[in-house]
Amino acid sequence: MQTNFAVCRRRGFSMLELVAVVTILGIIAAIVVPRMRTRAADSQKAACDVNRSNIEIQAQLWFRDKGVWPAANLSDIGADAKFFPDGLPKCPINNGSYTFNSTTEKVNGHAH
């Protein structure tokens, strides 16, 4: 006994399948993209905090070595490769320069 089964060979996807996939991808993108932007901003703020902390630590080491605080614009400590071999860091949020207050022993501003 021989049976003939019709073999259905599909080529490609139906329009309904394509629309469903595109819709699902759109929903996923709508959820993921805003979260990625928020995380990027958070990481830039964290990098600014790390830069401020590093400058404050290097300023303390400068004071220990030299007996005076670095200049407010950090030009002296920034020129010394012992303290900042790659140069003074810039704020990753607005590319601004950091300044130092010798009275408070802290970096000015940059409270993002």
PDB file of N, CA and C in Angstrom:
ATOM      1  N   MET A   1       0.824  -1.149   0.000  1.00  0.00           N
ATOM      2  CA  MET A   1       0.000   0.000   0.000  1.00  0.00           C
ATOM      3  C   MET A   1       0.888   1.237   0.000  1.00  0.00           C
ATOM      4  N   GLN A   2       0.617   2.017  -0.913  1.00  0.00           N
ATOM      5  CA  GLN A   2       1.424   3.215  -1.102  1.00  0.00           C
ATOM      6  C   GLN A   2       0.562   4.440  -0.856  1.00  0.00           C
ATOM      7  N   THR A   3       1.085   5.353  -0.028  1.00  0.00           N
ATOM      8  CA  THR A   3       0.333   6.563   0.253  1.00  0.00           C
ATOM      9  C   THR A   3       1.113   7.741  -0.255  1.00  0.00           C
ATOM     10  N   ASN A   4       0.409   8.666  -0.783  1.00  0.00           N
ATOM     11  CA  ASN A   4       1.019   9.907  -1.259  1.00  0.00           C
ATOM     12  C   ASN A   4       0.662  11.029  -0.288  1.00  0.00           C
ATOM     13  N   PHE A   5       1.687  11.497   0.374  1.00  0.00           N
ATOM     14  CA  PHE A   5       1.473  12.637   1.246  1.00  0.00           C
ATOM     15  C   PHE A   5       1.937  13.873   0.515  1.00  0.00           C
ATOM     16  N   ALA A   6       1.124  14.834   0.551  1.00  0.00           N
ATOM     17  CA  ALA A   6       1.497  16.089  -0.099  1.00  0.00           C
ATOM     18  C   ALA A   6       2.546  16.772   0.777  1.00  0.00           C
ATOM     19  N   VAL A   7       3.667  17.035   0.198  1.00  0.00           N
ATOM     20  CA  VAL A   7       4.734  17.697   0.926  1.00  0.00           C
ATOM     21  C   VAL A   7       4.601  19.189   0.654  1.00  0.00           C
ATOM     22  N   CYS A   8       4.419  19.926   1.738  1.00  0.00           N
ATOM     23  CA  CYS A   8       4.255  21.365   1.608  1.00  0.00           C
ATOM     24  C   CYS A   8       5.607  22.014   1.869  1.00  0.00           C
ATOM     25  N   ARG A   9       6.160  22.610   0.888  1.00  0.00           N
ATOM     26  CA  ARG A   9       7.427  23.302   1.040  1.00  0.00           C
ATOM     27  C   ARG A   9       7.173  24.789   1.045  1.00  0.00           C
ATOM     28  N   ARG A  10       7.487  25.379   2.194  1.00  0.00           N
ATOM     29  CA  ARG A  10       7.286  26.820   2.330  1.00  0.00           C
ATOM     30  C   ARG A  10       8.581  27.513   1.998  1.00  0.00           C
ATOM     31  N   ARG A  11       8.489  28.584   1.308  1.00  0.00           N
ATOM     32  CA  ARG A  11       9.648  29.393   0.992  1.00  0.00           C
ATOM     33  C   ARG A  11       9.456  30.754   1.643  1.00  0.00           C
ATOM     34  N   GLY A  12      10.296  31.039   2.657  1.00  0.00           N
ATOM     35  CA  GLY A  12      10.217  32.340   3.311  1.00  0.00           C
ATOM     36  C   GLY A  12       9.153  32.370   4.389  1.00  0.00           C
ATOM     37  N   PHE A  13       8.899  33.581   4.858  1.00  0.00           N
ATOM     38  CA  PHE A  13       7.940  33.792   5.934  1.00  0.00           C
ATOM     39  C   PHE A  13       6.707  34.493   5.387  1.00  0.00           C
ATOM     40  N   SER A  14       5.607  34.271   6.063  1.00  0.00           N
ATOM     41  CA  SER A  14       4.386  34.957   5.656  1.00  0.00           C
ATOM     42  C   SER A  14       4.437  36.398   6.156  1.00  0.00           C
ATOM     43  N   MET A  15       3.613  37.219   5.614  1.00  0.00           N
ATOM     44  CA  MET A  15       3.560  38.619   6.011  1.00  0.00           C
ATOM     45  C   MET A  15       3.167  38.742   7.481  1.00  0.00           C
ATOM     46  N   LEU A  16       2.289  37.910   7.949  1.00  0.00           N
ATOM     47  CA  LEU A  16       1.859  37.941   9.352  1.00  0.00           C
ATOM     48  C   LEU A  16       3.027  37.617  10.294  1.00  0.00           C
ATOM     49  N   GLU A  17       3.843  36.652   9.920  1.00  0.00           N
ATOM     50  CA  GLU A  17       5.004  36.313  10.744  1.00  0.00           C
ATOM     51  C   GLU A  17       5.999  37.471  10.792  1.00  0.00           C
ATOM     52  N   LEU A  18       6.239  38.107   9.684  1.00  0.00           N
ATOM     53  CA  LEU A  18       7.152  39.246   9.639  1.00  0.00           C
ATOM     54  C   LEU A  18       6.650  40.412  10.477  1.00  0.00           C
ATOM     55  N   VAL A  19       5.357  40.699  10.392  1.00  0.00           N
ATOM     56  CA  VAL A  19       4.777  41.785  11.176  1.00  0.00           C
ATOM     57  C   VAL A  19       4.894  41.474  12.672  1.00  0.00           C
ATOM     58  N   ALA A  20       4.664  40.227  13.053  1.00  0.00           N
ATOM     59  CA  ALA A  20       4.758  39.837  14.455  1.00  0.00           C
ATOM     60  C   ALA A  20       6.188  40.017  14.973  1.00  0.00           C
ATOM     61  N   VAL A  21       7.170  39.608  14.207  1.00  0.00           N
ATOM     62  CA  VAL A  21       8.567  39.737  14.624  1.00  0.00           C
ATOM     63  C   VAL A  21       8.966  41.201  14.740  1.00  0.00           C
ATOM     64  N   VAL A  22       8.598  42.007  13.769  1.00  0.00           N
ATOM     65  CA  VAL A  22       8.935  43.439  13.803  1.00  0.00           C
ATOM     66  C   VAL A  22       8.263  44.110  15.000  1.00  0.00           C
ATOM     67  N   THR A  23       7.039  43.747  15.305  1.00  0.00           N
ATOM     68  CA  THR A  23       6.329  44.315  16.453  1.00  0.00           C
ATOM     69  C   THR A  23       7.030  43.942  17.761  1.00  0.00           C
ATOM     70  N   ILE A  24       7.411  42.701  17.888  1.00  0.00           N
ATOM     71  CA  ILE A  24       8.107  42.255  19.096  1.00  0.00           C
ATOM     72  C   ILE A  24       9.441  42.977  19.236  1.00  0.00           C
ATOM     73  N   LEU A  25      10.190  43.114  18.164  1.00  0.00           N
ATOM     74  CA  LEU A  25      11.464  43.840  18.212  1.00  0.00           C
ATOM     75  C   LEU A  25      11.257  45.302  18.594  1.00  0.00           C
ATOM     76  N   GLY A  26      10.193  45.904  18.094  1.00  0.00           N
ATOM     77  CA  GLY A  26       9.883  47.287  18.450  1.00  0.00           C
ATOM     78  C   GLY A  26       9.572  47.448  19.931  1.00  0.00           C
ATOM     79  N   ILE A  27       8.844  46.515  20.482  1.00  0.00           N
ATOM     80  CA  ILE A  27       8.512  46.558  21.908  1.00  0.00           C
ATOM     81  C   ILE A  27       9.782  46.394  22.746  1.00  0.00           C
ATOM     82  N   ILE A  28      10.628  45.462  22.374  1.00  0.00           N
ATOM     83  CA  ILE A  28      11.883  45.255  23.101  1.00  0.00           C
ATOM     84  C   ILE A  28      12.759  46.497  23.023  1.00  0.00           C
ATOM     85  N   ALA A  29      12.852  47.101  21.851  1.00  0.00           N
ATOM     86  CA  ALA A  29      13.665  48.318  21.695  1.00  0.00           C
ATOM     87  C   ALA A  29      13.109  49.458  22.541  1.00  0.00           C
ATOM     88  N   ALA A  30      11.785  49.570  22.616  1.00  0.00           N
ATOM     89  CA  ALA A  30      11.173  50.638  23.411  1.00  0.00           C
ATOM     90  C   ALA A  30      11.470  50.475  24.900  1.00  0.00           C
ATOM     91  N   ILE A  31      11.698  49.260  25.331  1.00  0.00           N
ATOM     92  CA  ILE A  31      12.016  49.007  26.735  1.00  0.00           C
ATOM     93  C   ILE A  31      13.516  49.176  26.998  1.00  0.00           C
ATOM     94  N   VAL A  32      14.355  48.690  26.115  1.00  0.00           N
ATOM     95  CA  VAL A  32      15.797  48.630  26.348  1.00  0.00           C
ATOM     96  C   VAL A  32      16.495  49.972  26.126  1.00  0.00           C
ATOM     97  N   VAL A  33      16.166  50.699  25.084  1.00  0.00           N
ATOM     98  CA  VAL A  33      16.889  51.930  24.733  1.00  0.00           C
ATOM     99  C   VAL A  33      16.864  52.978  25.845  1.00  0.00           C
ATOM    100  N   PRO A  34      15.738  53.288  26.461  1.00  0.00           N
ATOM    101  CA  PRO A  34      15.769  54.268  27.559  1.00  0.00           C
ATOM    102  C   PRO A  34      16.635  53.818  28.735  1.00  0.00           C
ATOM    103  N   ARG A  35      16.649  52.540  29.007  1.00  0.00           N
ATOM    104  CA  ARG A  35      17.479  52.038  30.108  1.00  0.00           C
ATOM    105  C   ARG A  35      18.958  52.187  29.787  1.00  0.00           C
ATOM    106  N   MET A  36      19.333  51.996  28.551  1.00  0.00           N
ATOM    107  CA  MET A  36      20.735  52.146  28.163  1.00  0.00           C
ATOM    108  C   MET A  36      21.170  53.603  28.283  1.00  0.00           C
ATOM    109  N   ARG A  37      20.305  54.535  27.928  1.00  0.00           N
ATOM    110  CA  ARG A  37      20.641  55.956  28.050  1.00  0.00           C
ATOM    111  C   ARG A  37      20.837  56.343  29.511  1.00  0.00           C
ATOM    112  N   THR A  38      19.979  55.836  30.386  1.00  0.00           N
ATOM    113  CA  THR A  38      20.094  56.127  31.812  1.00  0.00           C
ATOM    114  C   THR A  38      21.388  55.557  32.369  1.00  0.00           C
ATOM    115  N   ARG A  39      21.727  54.372  31.965  1.00  0.00           N
ATOM    116  CA  ARG A  39      22.964  53.752  32.452  1.00  0.00           C
ATOM    117  C   ARG A  39      24.186  54.496  31.942  1.00  0.00           C
ATOM    118  N   ALA A  40      24.138  55.005  30.727  1.00  0.00           N
ATOM    119  CA  ALA A  40      25.271  55.768  30.199  1.00  0.00           C
ATOM    120  C   ALA A  40      25.464  57.040  31.017  1.00  0.00           C
ATOM    121  N   ALA A  41      24.384  57.729  31.342  1.00  0.00           N
ATOM    122  CA  ALA A  41      24.481  58.942  32.161  1.00  0.00           C
ATOM    123  C   ALA A  41      24.999  58.613  33.560  1.00  0.00           C
ATOM    124  N   ASP A  42      24.534  57.506  34.125  1.00  0.00           N
ATOM    125  CA  ASP A  42      25.007  57.096  35.448  1.00  0.00           C
ATOM    126  C   ASP A  42      26.495  56.773  35.423  1.00  0.00           C
ATOM    127  N   SER A  43      26.954  56.130  34.366  1.00  0.00           N
ATOM    128  CA  SER A  43      28.374  55.787  34.290  1.00  0.00           C
ATOM    129  C   SER A  43      29.239  57.033  34.104  1.00  0.00           C
ATOM    130  N   GLN A  44      28.744  58.029  33.364  1.00  0.00           N
ATOM    131  CA  GLN A  44      29.494  59.279  33.225  1.00  0.00           C
ATOM    132  C   GLN A  44      29.588  60.005  34.565  1.00  0.00           C
ATOM    133  N   LYS A  45      28.512  60.007  35.335  1.00  0.00           N
ATOM    134  CA  LYS A  45      28.541  60.631  36.656  1.00  0.00           C
ATOM    135  C   LYS A  45      29.521  59.909  37.565  1.00  0.00           C
ATOM    136  N   ALA A  46      29.509  58.590  37.517  1.00  0.00           N
ATOM    137  CA  ALA A  46      30.438  57.807  38.337  1.00  0.00           C
ATOM    138  C   ALA A  46      31.882  58.089  37.933  1.00  0.00           C
ATOM    139  N   ALA A  47      32.136  58.230  36.632  1.00  0.00           N
ATOM    140  CA  ALA A  47      33.487  58.545  36.165  1.00  0.00           C
ATOM    141  C   ALA A  47      33.922  59.919  36.651  1.00  0.00           C
ATOM    142  N   CYS A  48      33.014  60.888  36.672  1.00  0.00           N
ATOM    143  CA  CYS A  48      33.328  62.226  37.186  1.00  0.00           C
ATOM    144  C   CYS A  48      33.666  62.147  38.675  1.00  0.00           C
ATOM    145  N   ASP A  49      32.914  61.347  39.422  1.00  0.00           N
ATOM    146  CA  ASP A  49      33.193  61.172  40.852  1.00  0.00           C
ATOM    147  C   ASP A  49      34.566  60.550  41.073  1.00  0.00           C
ATOM    148  N   VAL A  50      34.923  59.577  40.250  1.00  0.00           N
ATOM    149  CA  VAL A  50      36.237  58.939  40.360  1.00  0.00           C
ATOM    150  C   VAL A  50      37.338  59.954  40.042  1.00  0.00           C
ATOM    151  N   ASN A  51      37.139  60.760  38.991  1.00  0.00           N
ATOM    152  CA  ASN A  51      38.129  61.788  38.652  1.00  0.00           C
ATOM    153  C   ASN A  51      38.329  62.761  39.818  1.00  0.00           C
ATOM    154  N   ARG A  52      37.231  63.222  40.405  1.00  0.00           N
ATOM    155  CA  ARG A  52      37.325  64.148  41.547  1.00  0.00           C
ATOM    156  C   ARG A  52      38.097  63.515  42.689  1.00  0.00           C
ATOM    157  N   SER A  53      37.788  62.282  43.007  1.00  0.00           N
ATOM    158  CA  SER A  53      38.473  61.594  44.100  1.00  0.00           C
ATOM    159  C   SER A  53      39.955  61.435  43.812  1.00  0.00           C
ATOM    160  N   ASN A  54      40.296  61.072  42.578  1.00  0.00           N
ATOM    161  CA  ASN A  54      41.701  60.913  42.214  1.00  0.00           C
ATOM    162  C   ASN A  54      42.453  62.233  42.319  1.00  0.00           C
ATOM    163  N   ILE A  55      41.835  63.311  41.882  1.00  0.00           N
ATOM    164  CA  ILE A  55      42.483  64.623  41.975  1.00  0.00           C
ATOM    165  C   ILE A  55      42.702  65.006  43.435  1.00  0.00           C
ATOM    166  N   GLU A  56      41.709  64.756  44.274  1.00  0.00           N
ATOM    167  CA  GLU A  56      41.843  65.083  45.697  1.00  0.00           C
ATOM    168  C   GLU A  56      42.961  64.271  46.353  1.00  0.00           C
ATOM    169  N   ILE A  57      43.066  63.007  46.003  1.00  0.00           N
ATOM    170  CA  ILE A  57      44.143  62.165  46.549  1.00  0.00           C
ATOM    171  C   ILE A  57      45.501  62.653  46.063  1.00  0.00           C
ATOM    172  N   GLN A  58      45.598  62.964  44.768  1.00  0.00           N
ATOM    173  CA  GLN A  58      46.873  63.442  44.227  1.00  0.00           C
ATOM    174  C   GLN A  58      47.245  64.794  44.829  1.00  0.00           C
ATOM    175  N   ALA A  59      46.249  65.628  45.110  1.00  0.00           N
ATOM    176  CA  ALA A  59      46.524  66.922  45.745  1.00  0.00           C
ATOM    177  C   ALA A  59      47.068  66.722  47.157  1.00  0.00           C
ATOM    178  N   GLN A  60      46.548  65.750  47.864  1.00  0.00           N
ATOM    179  CA  GLN A  60      47.073  65.450  49.203  1.00  0.00           C
ATOM    180  C   GLN A  60      48.510  64.948  49.122  1.00  0.00           C
ATOM    181  N   LEU A  61      48.793  64.106  48.134  1.00  0.00           N
ATOM    182  CA  LEU A  61      50.167  63.632  47.949  1.00  0.00           C
ATOM    183  C   LEU A  61      51.095  64.785  47.567  1.00  0.00           C
ATOM    184  N   TRP A  62      50.594  65.716  46.750  1.00  0.00           N
ATOM    185  CA  TRP A  62      51.356  66.905  46.372  1.00  0.00           C
ATOM    186  C   TRP A  62      51.711  67.720  47.620  1.00  0.00           C
ATOM    187  N   PHE A  63      50.704  67.913  48.473  1.00  0.00           N
ATOM    188  CA  PHE A  63      50.915  68.665  49.705  1.00  0.00           C
ATOM    189  C   PHE A  63      51.956  67.972  50.598  1.00  0.00           C
ATOM    190  N   ARG A  64      51.874  66.660  50.669  1.00  0.00           N
ATOM    191  CA  ARG A  64      52.832  65.909  51.475  1.00  0.00           C
ATOM    192  C   ARG A  64      54.254  66.046  50.924  1.00  0.00           C
ATOM    193  N   ASP A  65      54.384  66.016  49.595  1.00  0.00           N
ATOM    194  CA  ASP A  65      55.713  66.114  48.976  1.00  0.00           C
ATOM    195  C   ASP A  65      56.260  67.534  48.951  1.00  0.00           C
ATOM    196  N   LYS A  66      55.390  68.515  48.644  1.00  0.00           N
ATOM    197  CA  LYS A  66      55.854  69.888  48.397  1.00  0.00           C
ATOM    198  C   LYS A  66      55.634  70.835  49.577  1.00  0.00           C
ATOM    199  N   GLY A  67      54.717  70.507  50.475  1.00  0.00           N
ATOM    200  CA  GLY A  67      54.429  71.379  51.611  1.00  0.00           C
ATOM    201  C   GLY A  67      53.438  72.487  51.302  1.00  0.00           C
ATOM    202  N   VAL A  68      52.937  72.552  50.079  1.00  0.00           N
ATOM    203  CA  VAL A  68      51.917  73.531  49.677  1.00  0.00           C
ATOM    204  C   VAL A  68      50.872  72.806  48.834  1.00  0.00           C
ATOM    205  N   TRP A  69      49.678  73.385  48.813  1.00  0.00           N
ATOM    206  CA  TRP A  69      48.618  72.811  47.983  1.00  0.00           C
ATOM    207  C   TRP A  69      48.853  73.185  46.521  1.00  0.00           C
ATOM    208  N   PRO A  70      48.365  72.385  45.593  1.00  0.00           N
ATOM    209  CA  PRO A  70      48.506  72.751  44.182  1.00  0.00           C
ATOM    210  C   PRO A  70      47.693  74.003  43.861  1.00  0.00           C
ATOM    211  N   ALA A  71      48.008  74.612  42.741  1.00  0.00           N
ATOM    212  CA  ALA A  71      47.289  75.807  42.291  1.00  0.00           C
ATOM    213  C   ALA A  71      45.812  75.477  42.101  1.00  0.00           C
ATOM    214  N   ALA A  72      44.987  76.494  42.223  1.00  0.00           N
ATOM    215  CA  ALA A  72      43.537  76.306  42.094  1.00  0.00           C
ATOM    216  C   ALA A  72      43.154  75.714  40.743  1.00  0.00           C
ATOM    217  N   ASN A  73      43.873  76.108  39.691  1.00  0.00           N
ATOM    218  CA  ASN A  73      43.555  75.580  38.362  1.00  0.00           C
ATOM    219  C   ASN A  73      44.292  74.272  38.068  1.00  0.00           C
ATOM    220  N   LEU A  74      45.049  73.775  39.047  1.00  0.00           N
ATOM    221  CA  LEU A  74      45.770  72.503  38.976  1.00  0.00           C
ATOM    222  C   LEU A  74      46.843  72.481  37.889  1.00  0.00           C
ATOM    223  N   SER A  75      47.302  73.654  37.473  1.00  0.00           N
ATOM    224  CA  SER A  75      48.298  73.711  36.396  1.00  0.00           C
ATOM    225  C   SER A  75      49.629  73.108  36.831  1.00  0.00           C
ATOM    226  N   ASP A  76      50.016  73.303  38.078  1.00  0.00           N
ATOM    227  CA  ASP A  76      51.300  72.788  38.528  1.00  0.00           C
ATOM    228  C   ASP A  76      51.291  71.270  38.693  1.00  0.00           C
ATOM    229  N   ILE A  77      50.275  70.756  39.324  1.00  0.00           N
ATOM    230  CA  ILE A  77      50.205  69.308  39.525  1.00  0.00           C
ATOM    231  C   ILE A  77      49.911  68.583  38.206  1.00  0.00           C
ATOM    232  N   GLY A  78      49.161  69.232  37.333  1.00  0.00           N
ATOM    233  CA  GLY A  78      48.851  68.628  36.037  1.00  0.00           C
ATOM    234  C   GLY A  78      50.061  68.525  35.130  1.00  0.00           C
ATOM    235  N   ALA A  79      51.039  69.410  35.336  1.00  0.00           N
ATOM    236  CA  ALA A  79      52.245  69.395  34.508  1.00  0.00           C
ATOM    237  C   ALA A  79      53.258  68.369  35.006  1.00  0.00           C
ATOM    238  N   ASP A  80      53.071  67.853  36.209  1.00  0.00           N
ATOM    239  CA  ASP A  80      54.010  66.892  36.791  1.00  0.00           C
ATOM    240  C   ASP A  80      53.539  65.468  36.466  1.00  0.00           C
ATOM    241  N   ALA A  81      54.312  64.779  35.640  1.00  0.00           N
ATOM    242  CA  ALA A  81      53.932  63.433  35.204  1.00  0.00           C
ATOM    243  C   ALA A  81      53.936  62.425  36.346  1.00  0.00           C
ATOM    244  N   LYS A  82      54.557  62.757  37.455  1.00  0.00           N
ATOM    245  CA  LYS A  82      54.543  61.869  38.615  1.00  0.00           C
ATOM    246  C   LYS A  82      53.129  61.731  39.171  1.00  0.00           C
ATOM    247  N   PHE A  83      52.364  62.802  39.094  1.00  0.00           N
ATOM    248  CA  PHE A  83      51.017  62.798  39.664  1.00  0.00           C
ATOM    249  C   PHE A  83      49.946  62.452  38.637  1.00  0.00           C
ATOM    250  N   PHE A  84      50.076  62.975  37.439  1.00  0.00           N
ATOM    251  CA  PHE A  84      49.107  62.681  36.375  1.00  0.00           C
ATOM    252  C   PHE A  84      49.865  62.356  35.089  1.00  0.00           C
ATOM    253  N   PRO A  85      50.316  61.109  34.944  1.00  0.00           N
ATOM    254  CA  PRO A  85      51.101  60.736  33.758  1.00  0.00           C
ATOM    255  C   PRO A  85      50.352  60.943  32.438  1.00  0.00           C
ATOM    256  N   ASP A  86      49.044  60.808  32.461  1.00  0.00           N
ATOM    257  CA  ASP A  86      48.240  60.980  31.241  1.00  0.00           C
ATOM    258  C   ASP A  86      47.637  62.368  31.146  1.00  0.00           C
ATOM    259  N   GLY A  87      48.057  63.277  32.001  1.00  0.00           N
ATOM    260  CA  GLY A  87      47.488  64.624  32.024  1.00  0.00           C
ATOM    261  C   GLY A  87      46.265  64.672  32.923  1.00  0.00           C
ATOM    262  N   LEU A  88      45.855  65.891  33.234  1.00  0.00           N
ATOM    263  CA  LEU A  88      44.668  66.070  34.078  1.00  0.00           C
ATOM    264  C   LEU A  88      43.434  65.522  33.388  1.00  0.00           C
ATOM    265  N   PRO A  89      42.610  64.808  34.122  1.00  0.00           N
ATOM    266  CA  PRO A  89      41.366  64.327  33.506  1.00  0.00           C
ATOM    267  C   PRO A  89      40.382  65.473  33.295  1.00  0.00           C
ATOM    268  N   LYS A  90      39.518  65.287  32.329  1.00  0.00           N
ATOM    269  CA  LYS A  90      38.418  66.223  32.056  1.00  0.00           C
ATOM    270  C   LYS A  90      37.117  65.568  32.508  1.00  0.00           C
ATOM    271  N   CYS A  91      36.150  66.393  32.817  1.00  0.00           N
ATOM    272  CA  CYS A  91      34.845  65.882  33.223  1.00  0.00           C
ATOM    273  C   CYS A  91      34.204  65.142  32.036  1.00  0.00           C
ATOM    274  N   PRO A  92      33.818  63.880  32.208  1.00  0.00           N
ATOM    275  CA  PRO A  92      33.220  63.140  31.097  1.00  0.00           C
ATOM    276  C   PRO A  92      31.817  63.618  30.724  1.00  0.00           C
ATOM    277  N   ILE A  93      31.187  64.394  31.589  1.00  0.00           N
ATOM    278  CA  ILE A  93      29.832  64.852  31.310  1.00  0.00           C
ATOM    279  C   ILE A  93      29.844  66.088  30.421  1.00  0.00           C
ATOM    280  N   ASN A  94      30.658  67.099  30.791  1.00  0.00           N
ATOM    281  CA  ASN A  94      30.652  68.345  30.018  1.00  0.00           C
ATOM    282  C   ASN A  94      32.038  68.744  29.514  1.00  0.00           C
ATOM    283  N   ASN A  95      33.019  67.857  29.651  1.00  0.00           N
ATOM    284  CA  ASN A  95      34.392  68.088  29.197  1.00  0.00           C
ATOM    285  C   ASN A  95      35.023  69.309  29.868  1.00  0.00           C
ATOM    286  N   GLY A  96      34.524  69.664  31.035  1.00  0.00           N
ATOM    287  CA  GLY A  96      35.044  70.820  31.766  1.00  0.00           C
ATOM    288  C   GLY A  96      36.299  70.466  32.554  1.00  0.00           C
ATOM    289  N   SER A  97      37.021  71.495  32.939  1.00  0.00           N
ATOM    290  CA  SER A  97      38.226  71.316  33.737  1.00  0.00           C
ATOM    291  C   SER A  97      37.863  71.306  35.219  1.00  0.00           C
ATOM    292  N   TYR A  98      38.653  70.608  35.971  1.00  0.00           N
ATOM    293  CA  TYR A  98      38.469  70.564  37.418  1.00  0.00           C
ATOM    294  C   TYR A  98      39.312  71.668  38.049  1.00  0.00           C
ATOM    295  N   THR A  99      38.846  72.206  39.170  1.00  0.00           N
ATOM    296  CA  THR A  99      39.616  73.174  39.954  1.00  0.00           C
ATOM    297  C   THR A  99      39.643  72.688  41.397  1.00  0.00           C
ATOM    298  N   PHE A 100      40.618  73.185  42.149  1.00  0.00           N
ATOM    299  CA  PHE A 100      40.840  72.696  43.509  1.00  0.00           C
ATOM    300  C   PHE A 100      40.757  73.839  44.497  1.00  0.00           C
ATOM    301  N   ASN A 101      40.088  73.601  45.627  1.00  0.00           N
ATOM    302  CA  ASN A 101      39.982  74.575  46.702  1.00  0.00           C
ATOM    303  C   ASN A 101      40.881  74.104  47.845  1.00  0.00           C
ATOM    304  N   SER A 102      41.970  74.820  48.086  1.00  0.00           N
ATOM    305  CA  SER A 102      42.922  74.393  49.113  1.00  0.00           C
ATOM    306  C   SER A 102      42.376  74.575  50.529  1.00  0.00           C
ATOM    307  N   THR A 103      41.366  75.400  50.700  1.00  0.00           N
ATOM    308  CA  THR A 103      40.773  75.580  52.025  1.00  0.00           C
ATOM    309  C   THR A 103      39.965  74.350  52.432  1.00  0.00           C
ATOM    310  N   THR A 104      39.148  73.877  51.531  1.00  0.00           N
ATOM    311  CA  THR A 104      38.323  72.701  51.815  1.00  0.00           C
ATOM    312  C   THR A 104      39.016  71.396  51.445  1.00  0.00           C
ATOM    313  N   GLU A 105      40.107  71.506  50.689  1.00  0.00           N
ATOM    314  CA  GLU A 105      40.867  70.341  50.190  1.00  0.00           C
ATOM    315  C   GLU A 105      39.994  69.454  49.310  1.00  0.00           C
ATOM    316  N   LYS A 106      39.102  70.077  48.556  1.00  0.00           N
ATOM    317  CA  LYS A 106      38.185  69.349  47.680  1.00  0.00           C
ATOM    318  C   LYS A 106      38.195  69.962  46.283  1.00  0.00           C
ATOM    319  N   VAL A 107      37.748  69.180  45.323  1.00  0.00           N
ATOM    320  CA  VAL A 107      37.560  69.692  43.967  1.00  0.00           C
ATOM    321  C   VAL A 107      36.291  70.524  43.947  1.00  0.00           C
ATOM    322  N   ASN A 108      36.368  71.688  43.320  1.00  0.00           N
ATOM    323  CA  ASN A 108      35.210  72.594  43.241  1.00  0.00           C
ATOM    324  C   ASN A 108      34.170  72.085  42.269  1.00  0.00           C
ATOM    325  N   GLY A 109      32.914  72.292  42.621  1.00  0.00           N
ATOM    326  CA  GLY A 109      31.812  72.007  41.709  1.00  0.00           C
ATOM    327  C   GLY A 109      31.734  70.544  41.326  1.00  0.00           C
ATOM    328  N   HIS A 110      31.259  70.311  40.143  1.00  0.00           N
ATOM    329  CA  HIS A 110      31.088  68.977  39.560  1.00  0.00           C
ATOM    330  C   HIS A 110      30.200  68.092  40.417  1.00  0.00           C
ATOM    331  N   ALA A 111      29.162  68.666  40.980  1.00  0.00           N
ATOM    332  CA  ALA A 111      28.153  67.884  41.693  1.00  0.00           C
ATOM    333  C   ALA A 111      27.020  67.600  40.713  1.00  0.00           C
ATOM    334  N   HIS A 112      27.254  66.667  39.815  1.00  0.00           N
ATOM    335  CA  HIS A 112      26.277  66.357  38.759  1.00  0.00           C
ATOM    336  C   HIS A 112      25.166  65.522  39.331  1.00  0.00           C
TER     337      HIS A 112
END
